[in-house]
Amino acid sequence: MDEKETPQKLFFTIGEVSSNTKIKPHVLRYWESEFKLLTPQKNSTGQRVYRQKDIDVILAIKRLLYQEKFTIAGAKKQLRTEMEAKAEQQRQAKKNALVTSALTEIKTELNELKEMLIVK
């Protein structure tokens, strides 16, 4: 399941995730026990329901294990590192947006003060 191919749904069954990611259901269940970041919810009937964030984690695990040839332990460590880096990028982007907003507000106030001084 690539980002381009991901349907616009909130929840996916294990069968849908398995089919779209080409990972067997028993492997997905095993990964749940090994990777704490992979935590699908269960619906009222006890079936696993995966959200997009779970699918993103699955695709990252698949890449690390199958393409980059990490061991389970190495993939855990690398995944944790990647997630921490992503969280830091998000924090920095949020901080930059706040700074930009504050600077825009200051600029507006300074322009208003300038107009008040010119009028007098």
Protein backbone atom coordinates (compact mmCIF):
# COMPACT_ATOMS: atom_id res chain seq x y z
CA MET A 1 0.00 0.00 0.00
CA ASP A 2 1.78 3.10 -1.21
CA GLU A 3 0.76 6.58 -0.12
CA LYS A 4 -0.73 7.10 -3.59
CA GLU A 5 -2.74 3.88 -3.39
CA THR A 6 -4.06 4.22 0.17
CA PRO A 7 -7.85 4.54 0.08
CA GLN A 8 -9.42 7.36 2.04
CA LYS A 9 -10.77 5.31 4.94
CA LEU A 10 -10.41 5.73 8.68
CA PHE A 11 -10.02 2.05 9.52
CA PHE A 12 -8.77 -1.03 7.69
CA THR A 13 -9.20 -4.71 8.53
CA ILE A 14 -6.20 -6.99 8.88
CA GLY A 15 -7.22 -8.64 5.59
CA GLU A 16 -7.20 -5.30 3.76
CA VAL A 17 -3.85 -4.34 5.26
CA SER A 18 -2.40 -7.76 4.46
CA SER A 19 -3.62 -7.63 0.88
CA ASN A 20 -2.45 -4.09 0.24
CA THR A 21 0.95 -4.37 1.93
CA LYS A 22 1.63 -7.94 0.76
CA ILE A 23 2.35 -9.02 4.35
CA LYS A 24 0.60 -12.10 5.71
CA PRO A 25 -1.75 -11.63 8.67
CA HIS A 26 0.30 -13.86 10.98
CA VAL A 27 3.34 -11.67 10.28
CA LEU A 28 1.35 -8.54 11.10
CA ARG A 29 0.23 -10.11 14.40
CA TYR A 30 3.83 -11.07 15.18
CA TRP A 31 5.02 -7.55 14.45
CA GLU A 32 2.41 -6.23 16.90
CA SER A 33 4.07 -8.27 19.63
CA GLU A 34 7.55 -7.06 18.68
CA PHE A 35 7.03 -3.37 17.82
CA LYS A 36 5.36 -1.22 20.46
CA LEU A 37 4.64 1.47 17.85
CA LEU A 38 2.30 -0.91 16.05
CA THR A 39 -0.91 -0.88 18.08
CA PRO A 40 -4.08 -1.47 16.07
CA GLN A 41 -7.30 -1.04 17.98
CA LYS A 42 -9.92 -3.74 18.23
CA ASN A 43 -13.55 -3.16 17.34
CA SER A 44 -16.56 -4.36 19.32
CA THR A 45 -16.28 -7.84 17.79
CA GLY A 46 -12.59 -8.12 18.68
CA GLN A 47 -11.26 -7.68 15.15
CA ARG A 48 -8.14 -5.61 14.64
CA VAL A 49 -8.73 -2.28 12.93
CA TYR A 50 -5.74 -0.43 11.55
CA ARG A 51 -5.51 3.33 11.16
CA GLN A 52 -3.33 5.11 8.63
CA LYS A 53 -0.63 5.66 11.26
CA ASP A 54 -0.51 1.89 11.86
CA ILE A 55 -0.14 1.28 8.12
CA ASP A 56 2.68 3.84 7.98
CA VAL A 57 4.47 1.95 10.77
CA ILE A 58 3.90 -1.36 8.96
CA LEU A 59 5.38 0.02 5.76
CA ALA A 60 8.38 1.38 7.67
CA ILE A 61 8.95 -1.99 9.36
CA LYS A 62 8.62 -3.76 6.02
CA ARG A 63 11.18 -1.40 4.45
CA LEU A 64 13.62 -1.88 7.32
CA LEU A 65 13.32 -5.67 7.44
CA TYR A 66 12.95 -6.59 3.78
CA GLN A 67 14.72 -3.85 1.85
CA GLU A 68 17.35 -2.60 4.26
CA LYS A 69 17.87 -6.06 5.81
CA PHE A 70 17.73 -5.01 9.46
CA THR A 71 17.24 -7.60 12.18
CA ILE A 72 14.15 -7.25 14.38
CA ALA A 73 16.27 -5.63 17.10
CA GLY A 74 17.97 -3.33 14.62
CA ALA A 75 14.64 -2.40 13.03
CA LYS A 76 13.21 -1.54 16.47
CA LYS A 77 16.10 0.76 17.19
CA GLN A 78 16.06 2.36 13.72
CA LEU A 79 12.28 2.82 13.80
CA ARG A 80 12.51 4.51 17.19
CA THR A 81 15.25 6.80 15.84
CA GLU A 82 13.20 7.65 12.73
CA MET A 83 10.06 8.34 14.77
CA GLU A 84 11.98 10.59 17.17
CA ALA A 85 13.47 12.50 14.23
CA LYS A 86 10.01 12.88 12.66
CA ALA A 87 8.57 14.14 15.94
CA GLU A 88 11.43 16.64 16.26
CA GLN A 89 10.78 17.89 12.71
CA GLN A 90 7.11 18.35 13.56
CA ARG A 91 7.99 20.24 16.76
CA GLN A 92 10.39 22.46 14.83
CA ALA A 93 7.81 23.15 12.09
CA LYS A 94 5.24 24.08 14.74
CA LYS A 95 7.75 26.35 16.46
CA ASN A 96 8.64 28.01 13.13
CA ALA A 97 4.96 28.59 12.39
CA LEU A 98 4.48 30.23 15.80
CA VAL A 99 7.52 32.47 15.29
CA THR A 100 6.34 33.45 11.81
CA SER A 101 2.90 34.24 13.14
CA ALA A 102 4.33 36.34 15.98
CA LEU A 103 6.62 38.24 13.60
CA THR A 104 3.71 38.92 11.23
CA GLU A 105 1.67 40.26 14.12
CA ILE A 106 4.55 42.49 15.26
CA LYS A 107 5.01 43.79 11.72
CA THR A 108 1.31 44.65 11.50
CA GLU A 109 1.43 46.48 14.82
CA LEU A 110 4.54 48.41 13.80
CA ASN A 111 2.89 49.43 10.52
CA GLU A 112 -0.16 50.63 12.46
CA LEU A 113 2.08 52.67 14.77
CA LYS A 114 3.90 54.08 11.76
CA GLU A 115 0.59 55.17 10.20
CA MET A 116 -0.46 56.78 13.48
CA LEU A 117 2.81 58.75 13.64
CA ILE A 118 2.59 59.88 10.00
CA VAL A 119 -0.99 61.13 10.45
CA LYS A 120 -0.02 63.40 13.33
